[in-house]
Amino acid sequence: MDMTKVFACALTTLCISSTYAAVAPDEAAQLGKTLTLFGAEQHGNADGSIPAYDGGLPTSTAPAGFVKDTGKWVNPYAEEKPLYSITAANMAQYADKLTEATKA
């Protein structure tokens, strides 16, 4: 194998592996305010099909029905019902909810 190609590949690998994503300080300041601690937007969407983030699961209190030391957590979403169910048969009706890749 040509040493020039080996060197070029090694140099490219070094350059790529040393790059990393960085966030601007003003964006980082929004974490926990308008952004979740993971960097997602806290507000839901306009039609309500994606609810606003409210902090996630409680860490200080156990939900009703929780039995300590069982290793099982109670489903916190048991009362939630799906807004709609999209299948191949009705995907045209929900086309505005699907990405182009999903429609393909």
N, C-alpha and C. Protein backbone atom coordinates (compact mmCIF):
# COMPACT_ATOMS: atom_id res chain seq x y z
N MET A 1 0.85 -1.18 0.00
CA MET A 1 0.00 0.00 0.00
C MET A 1 0.89 1.23 0.00
N ASP A 2 0.47 2.23 -0.69
CA ASP A 2 1.23 3.48 -0.81
C ASP A 2 1.25 4.20 0.54
N MET A 3 2.43 4.57 1.01
CA MET A 3 2.57 5.24 2.31
C MET A 3 1.89 6.60 2.34
N THR A 4 1.77 7.25 1.19
CA THR A 4 1.09 8.54 1.14
C THR A 4 -0.38 8.37 1.49
N LYS A 5 -0.99 7.30 0.97
CA LYS A 5 -2.40 7.04 1.27
C LYS A 5 -2.58 6.69 2.75
N VAL A 6 -1.67 5.89 3.28
CA VAL A 6 -1.74 5.52 4.69
C VAL A 6 -1.62 6.76 5.56
N PHE A 7 -0.67 7.62 5.24
CA PHE A 7 -0.48 8.86 6.00
C PHE A 7 -1.71 9.76 5.89
N ALA A 8 -2.27 9.87 4.69
CA ALA A 8 -3.45 10.71 4.49
C ALA A 8 -4.64 10.18 5.30
N CYS A 9 -4.82 8.87 5.31
CA CYS A 9 -5.91 8.27 6.09
C CYS A 9 -5.70 8.49 7.58
N ALA A 10 -4.48 8.31 8.04
CA ALA A 10 -4.18 8.51 9.46
C ALA A 10 -4.41 9.95 9.87
N LEU A 11 -3.96 10.88 9.04
CA LEU A 11 -4.14 12.31 9.33
C LEU A 11 -5.62 12.68 9.35
N THR A 12 -6.37 12.17 8.40
CA THR A 12 -7.81 12.43 8.36
C THR A 12 -8.49 11.88 9.60
N THR A 13 -8.13 10.69 10.00
CA THR A 13 -8.71 10.08 11.20
C THR A 13 -8.41 10.91 12.44
N LEU A 14 -7.18 11.39 12.55
CA LEU A 14 -6.82 12.22 13.69
C LEU A 14 -7.61 13.52 13.72
N CYS A 15 -7.76 14.12 12.55
CA CYS A 15 -8.50 15.39 12.48
C CYS A 15 -9.97 15.20 12.82
N ILE A 16 -10.56 14.15 12.31
CA ILE A 16 -11.98 13.91 12.55
C ILE A 16 -12.23 13.55 14.01
N SER A 17 -11.39 12.71 14.58
CA SER A 17 -11.63 12.27 15.95
C SER A 17 -11.38 13.35 16.98
N SER A 18 -10.64 14.38 16.61
CA SER A 18 -10.35 15.44 17.58
C SER A 18 -11.38 16.56 17.55
N THR A 19 -12.31 16.51 16.62
CA THR A 19 -13.36 17.53 16.59
C THR A 19 -14.49 17.13 17.52
N TYR A 20 -15.17 18.11 18.05
CA TYR A 20 -16.29 17.84 18.94
C TYR A 20 -17.29 18.98 18.83
N ALA A 21 -18.51 18.69 19.22
CA ALA A 21 -19.57 19.70 19.16
C ALA A 21 -19.45 20.63 20.36
N ALA A 22 -19.70 21.88 20.10
CA ALA A 22 -19.68 22.87 21.18
C ALA A 22 -20.93 23.73 21.07
N VAL A 23 -21.35 24.26 22.17
CA VAL A 23 -22.53 25.11 22.21
C VAL A 23 -22.09 26.50 22.61
N ALA A 24 -22.74 27.48 22.02
CA ALA A 24 -22.43 28.86 22.38
C ALA A 24 -22.85 29.11 23.83
N PRO A 25 -22.14 29.98 24.53
CA PRO A 25 -22.47 30.25 25.94
C PRO A 25 -23.91 30.72 26.16
N ASP A 26 -24.45 31.52 25.22
CA ASP A 26 -25.83 31.99 25.39
C ASP A 26 -26.83 30.84 25.25
N GLU A 27 -26.51 29.85 24.39
CA GLU A 27 -27.38 28.68 24.28
C GLU A 27 -27.28 27.81 25.53
N ALA A 28 -26.08 27.66 26.05
CA ALA A 28 -25.88 26.86 27.26
C ALA A 28 -26.60 27.49 28.45
N ALA A 29 -26.72 28.81 28.46
CA ALA A 29 -27.39 29.51 29.56
C ALA A 29 -28.90 29.21 29.57
N GLN A 30 -29.44 28.76 28.44
CA GLN A 30 -30.87 28.46 28.35
C GLN A 30 -31.23 27.08 28.90
N LEU A 31 -30.22 26.25 29.19
CA LEU A 31 -30.50 24.93 29.75
C LEU A 31 -31.22 25.07 31.09
N GLY A 32 -32.33 24.39 31.24
CA GLY A 32 -33.11 24.47 32.47
C GLY A 32 -34.08 25.64 32.48
N LYS A 33 -34.02 26.50 31.47
CA LYS A 33 -34.94 27.65 31.38
C LYS A 33 -35.90 27.40 30.23
N THR A 34 -35.49 27.73 28.99
CA THR A 34 -36.34 27.44 27.84
C THR A 34 -36.00 26.10 27.22
N LEU A 35 -34.86 25.52 27.61
CA LEU A 35 -34.46 24.20 27.14
C LEU A 35 -34.44 23.23 28.31
N THR A 36 -34.70 21.96 28.02
CA THR A 36 -34.58 20.94 29.06
C THR A 36 -33.10 20.77 29.38
N LEU A 37 -32.79 20.01 30.40
CA LEU A 37 -31.39 19.77 30.75
C LEU A 37 -30.67 18.97 29.68
N PHE A 38 -31.44 18.36 28.77
CA PHE A 38 -30.85 17.61 27.66
C PHE A 38 -30.73 18.46 26.41
N GLY A 39 -31.23 19.69 26.44
CA GLY A 39 -31.10 20.60 25.30
C GLY A 39 -32.31 20.66 24.39
N ALA A 40 -33.38 19.96 24.71
CA ALA A 40 -34.59 20.00 23.89
C ALA A 40 -35.46 21.19 24.31
N GLU A 41 -36.31 21.64 23.40
CA GLU A 41 -37.22 22.73 23.74
C GLU A 41 -38.26 22.24 24.73
N GLN A 42 -38.59 23.06 25.72
CA GLN A 42 -39.53 22.65 26.76
C GLN A 42 -40.98 22.74 26.33
N HIS A 43 -41.30 23.67 25.43
CA HIS A 43 -42.71 23.86 25.06
C HIS A 43 -43.17 22.77 24.11
N GLY A 44 -44.46 22.50 24.11
CA GLY A 44 -45.05 21.52 23.21
C GLY A 44 -45.31 22.14 21.85
N ASN A 45 -45.98 21.40 20.98
CA ASN A 45 -46.30 21.97 19.67
C ASN A 45 -47.68 22.63 19.69
N ALA A 46 -48.00 23.32 18.61
CA ALA A 46 -49.22 24.13 18.56
C ALA A 46 -50.50 23.30 18.65
N ASP A 47 -50.53 22.11 18.02
CA ASP A 47 -51.78 21.34 18.04
C ASP A 47 -51.93 20.47 19.29
N GLY A 48 -50.95 20.48 20.17
CA GLY A 48 -51.06 19.76 21.43
C GLY A 48 -50.73 18.28 21.37
N SER A 49 -50.31 17.78 20.20
CA SER A 49 -49.99 16.36 20.10
C SER A 49 -48.65 16.04 20.77
N ILE A 50 -47.83 17.05 20.98
CA ILE A 50 -46.60 16.90 21.77
C ILE A 50 -46.74 17.82 22.97
N PRO A 51 -46.87 17.26 24.17
CA PRO A 51 -47.07 18.10 25.35
C PRO A 51 -45.78 18.81 25.77
N ALA A 52 -45.94 19.86 26.53
CA ALA A 52 -44.77 20.57 27.07
C ALA A 52 -44.06 19.69 28.08
N TYR A 53 -42.76 19.84 28.17
CA TYR A 53 -41.96 19.09 29.14
C TYR A 53 -42.20 19.69 30.52
N ASP A 54 -42.54 18.84 31.49
CA ASP A 54 -42.84 19.36 32.83
C ASP A 54 -41.85 18.88 33.88
N GLY A 55 -40.73 18.36 33.47
CA GLY A 55 -39.72 17.93 34.43
C GLY A 55 -39.51 16.43 34.48
N GLY A 56 -40.35 15.67 33.82
CA GLY A 56 -40.17 14.23 33.79
C GLY A 56 -40.74 13.53 35.00
N LEU A 57 -40.24 12.36 35.27
CA LEU A 57 -40.74 11.56 36.39
C LEU A 57 -40.29 12.14 37.72
N PRO A 58 -41.14 12.09 38.73
CA PRO A 58 -40.74 12.60 40.04
C PRO A 58 -39.64 11.73 40.65
N THR A 59 -38.72 12.37 41.33
CA THR A 59 -37.64 11.62 41.97
C THR A 59 -37.78 11.60 43.48
N SER A 60 -38.62 12.47 44.03
CA SER A 60 -38.74 12.54 45.48
C SER A 60 -39.94 11.77 46.03
N THR A 61 -40.91 11.48 45.17
CA THR A 61 -42.10 10.75 45.62
C THR A 61 -42.35 9.57 44.70
N ALA A 62 -42.85 8.50 45.25
CA ALA A 62 -43.18 7.32 44.46
C ALA A 62 -44.63 7.41 44.00
N PRO A 63 -44.94 6.94 42.80
CA PRO A 63 -46.32 6.97 42.33
C PRO A 63 -47.20 5.98 43.09
N ALA A 64 -48.50 6.20 43.03
CA ALA A 64 -49.45 5.30 43.70
C ALA A 64 -49.28 3.89 43.14
N GLY A 65 -49.28 2.92 44.00
CA GLY A 65 -49.14 1.54 43.57
C GLY A 65 -47.71 1.03 43.56
N PHE A 66 -46.76 1.88 43.86
CA PHE A 66 -45.35 1.47 43.87
C PHE A 66 -45.06 0.64 45.12
N VAL A 67 -44.42 -0.50 44.93
CA VAL A 67 -44.04 -1.36 46.04
C VAL A 67 -42.52 -1.37 46.12
N LYS A 68 -41.99 -0.87 47.22
CA LYS A 68 -40.55 -0.76 47.39
C LYS A 68 -39.86 -2.13 47.33
N ASP A 69 -38.67 -2.12 46.79
CA ASP A 69 -37.80 -3.30 46.69
C ASP A 69 -38.33 -4.41 45.79
N THR A 70 -39.28 -4.10 44.91
CA THR A 70 -39.75 -5.11 43.97
C THR A 70 -38.96 -5.05 42.67
N GLY A 71 -38.30 -3.92 42.44
CA GLY A 71 -37.57 -3.74 41.19
C GLY A 71 -38.46 -3.33 40.04
N LYS A 72 -39.73 -3.09 40.31
CA LYS A 72 -40.67 -2.70 39.26
C LYS A 72 -41.24 -1.33 39.58
N TRP A 73 -41.33 -0.51 38.56
CA TRP A 73 -41.88 0.83 38.70
C TRP A 73 -43.27 0.85 38.09
N VAL A 74 -44.16 1.57 38.68
CA VAL A 74 -45.53 1.68 38.18
C VAL A 74 -45.51 2.52 36.89
N ASN A 75 -46.33 2.15 35.93
CA ASN A 75 -46.42 2.88 34.67
C ASN A 75 -47.01 4.26 34.93
N PRO A 76 -46.22 5.34 34.78
CA PRO A 76 -46.75 6.67 35.05
C PRO A 76 -47.67 7.18 33.95
N TYR A 77 -47.75 6.47 32.84
CA TYR A 77 -48.56 6.92 31.71
C TYR A 77 -49.78 6.02 31.49
N ALA A 78 -50.19 5.27 32.48
CA ALA A 78 -51.30 4.32 32.33
C ALA A 78 -52.61 5.01 31.94
N GLU A 79 -52.82 6.23 32.39
CA GLU A 79 -54.07 6.94 32.10
C GLU A 79 -54.06 7.62 30.73
N GLU A 80 -52.90 7.74 30.10
CA GLU A 80 -52.82 8.42 28.81
C GLU A 80 -53.33 7.51 27.70
N LYS A 81 -54.06 8.09 26.78
CA LYS A 81 -54.57 7.36 25.63
C LYS A 81 -53.98 7.99 24.37
N PRO A 82 -53.70 7.18 23.33
CA PRO A 82 -53.15 7.73 22.09
C PRO A 82 -54.14 8.68 21.42
N LEU A 83 -53.61 9.73 20.80
CA LEU A 83 -54.47 10.67 20.08
C LEU A 83 -54.95 10.07 18.77
N TYR A 84 -54.11 9.27 18.13
CA TYR A 84 -54.45 8.60 16.88
C TYR A 84 -53.48 7.46 16.66
N SER A 85 -53.87 6.54 15.81
CA SER A 85 -53.02 5.40 15.46
C SER A 85 -52.84 5.40 13.95
N ILE A 86 -51.61 5.56 13.51
CA ILE A 86 -51.33 5.65 12.08
C ILE A 86 -50.91 4.28 11.56
N THR A 87 -51.63 3.83 10.54
CA THR A 87 -51.31 2.55 9.89
C THR A 87 -51.14 2.79 8.40
N ALA A 88 -50.76 1.75 7.68
CA ALA A 88 -50.63 1.87 6.22
C ALA A 88 -51.97 2.21 5.59
N ALA A 89 -53.05 1.75 6.18
CA ALA A 89 -54.39 1.98 5.63
C ALA A 89 -54.84 3.43 5.78
N ASN A 90 -54.42 4.13 6.85
CA ASN A 90 -54.90 5.50 7.06
C ASN A 90 -53.79 6.54 7.01
N MET A 91 -52.64 6.18 6.46
CA MET A 91 -51.52 7.12 6.48
C MET A 91 -51.79 8.38 5.65
N ALA A 92 -52.65 8.31 4.64
CA ALA A 92 -52.97 9.50 3.86
C ALA A 92 -53.71 10.52 4.73
N GLN A 93 -54.54 10.05 5.63
CA GLN A 93 -55.28 10.93 6.53
C GLN A 93 -54.34 11.68 7.47
N TYR A 94 -53.23 11.06 7.84
CA TYR A 94 -52.27 11.66 8.77
C TYR A 94 -50.97 12.05 8.09
N ALA A 95 -51.02 12.33 6.81
CA ALA A 95 -49.80 12.64 6.05
C ALA A 95 -49.04 13.82 6.64
N ASP A 96 -49.76 14.77 7.24
CA ASP A 96 -49.08 15.94 7.82
C ASP A 96 -48.30 15.58 9.08
N LYS A 97 -48.52 14.42 9.64
CA LYS A 97 -47.80 13.98 10.84
C LYS A 97 -46.56 13.14 10.51
N LEU A 98 -46.40 12.75 9.25
CA LEU A 98 -45.34 11.84 8.84
C LEU A 98 -44.24 12.57 8.08
N THR A 99 -43.02 12.10 8.24
CA THR A 99 -41.90 12.63 7.46
C THR A 99 -41.93 12.02 6.07
N GLU A 100 -41.20 12.60 5.15
CA GLU A 100 -41.14 12.06 3.79
C GLU A 100 -40.55 10.65 3.80
N ALA A 101 -39.57 10.41 4.66
CA ALA A 101 -38.96 9.08 4.73
C ALA A 101 -39.96 8.04 5.23
N THR A 102 -40.83 8.43 6.14
CA THR A 102 -41.83 7.50 6.66
C THR A 102 -42.87 7.18 5.60
N LYS A 103 -43.20 8.16 4.77
CA LYS A 103 -44.20 7.95 3.72
C LYS A 103 -43.68 7.05 2.61
N ALA A 104 -42.38 6.99 2.43
CA ALA A 104 -41.80 6.24 1.30
C ALA A 104 -41.95 4.75 1.44
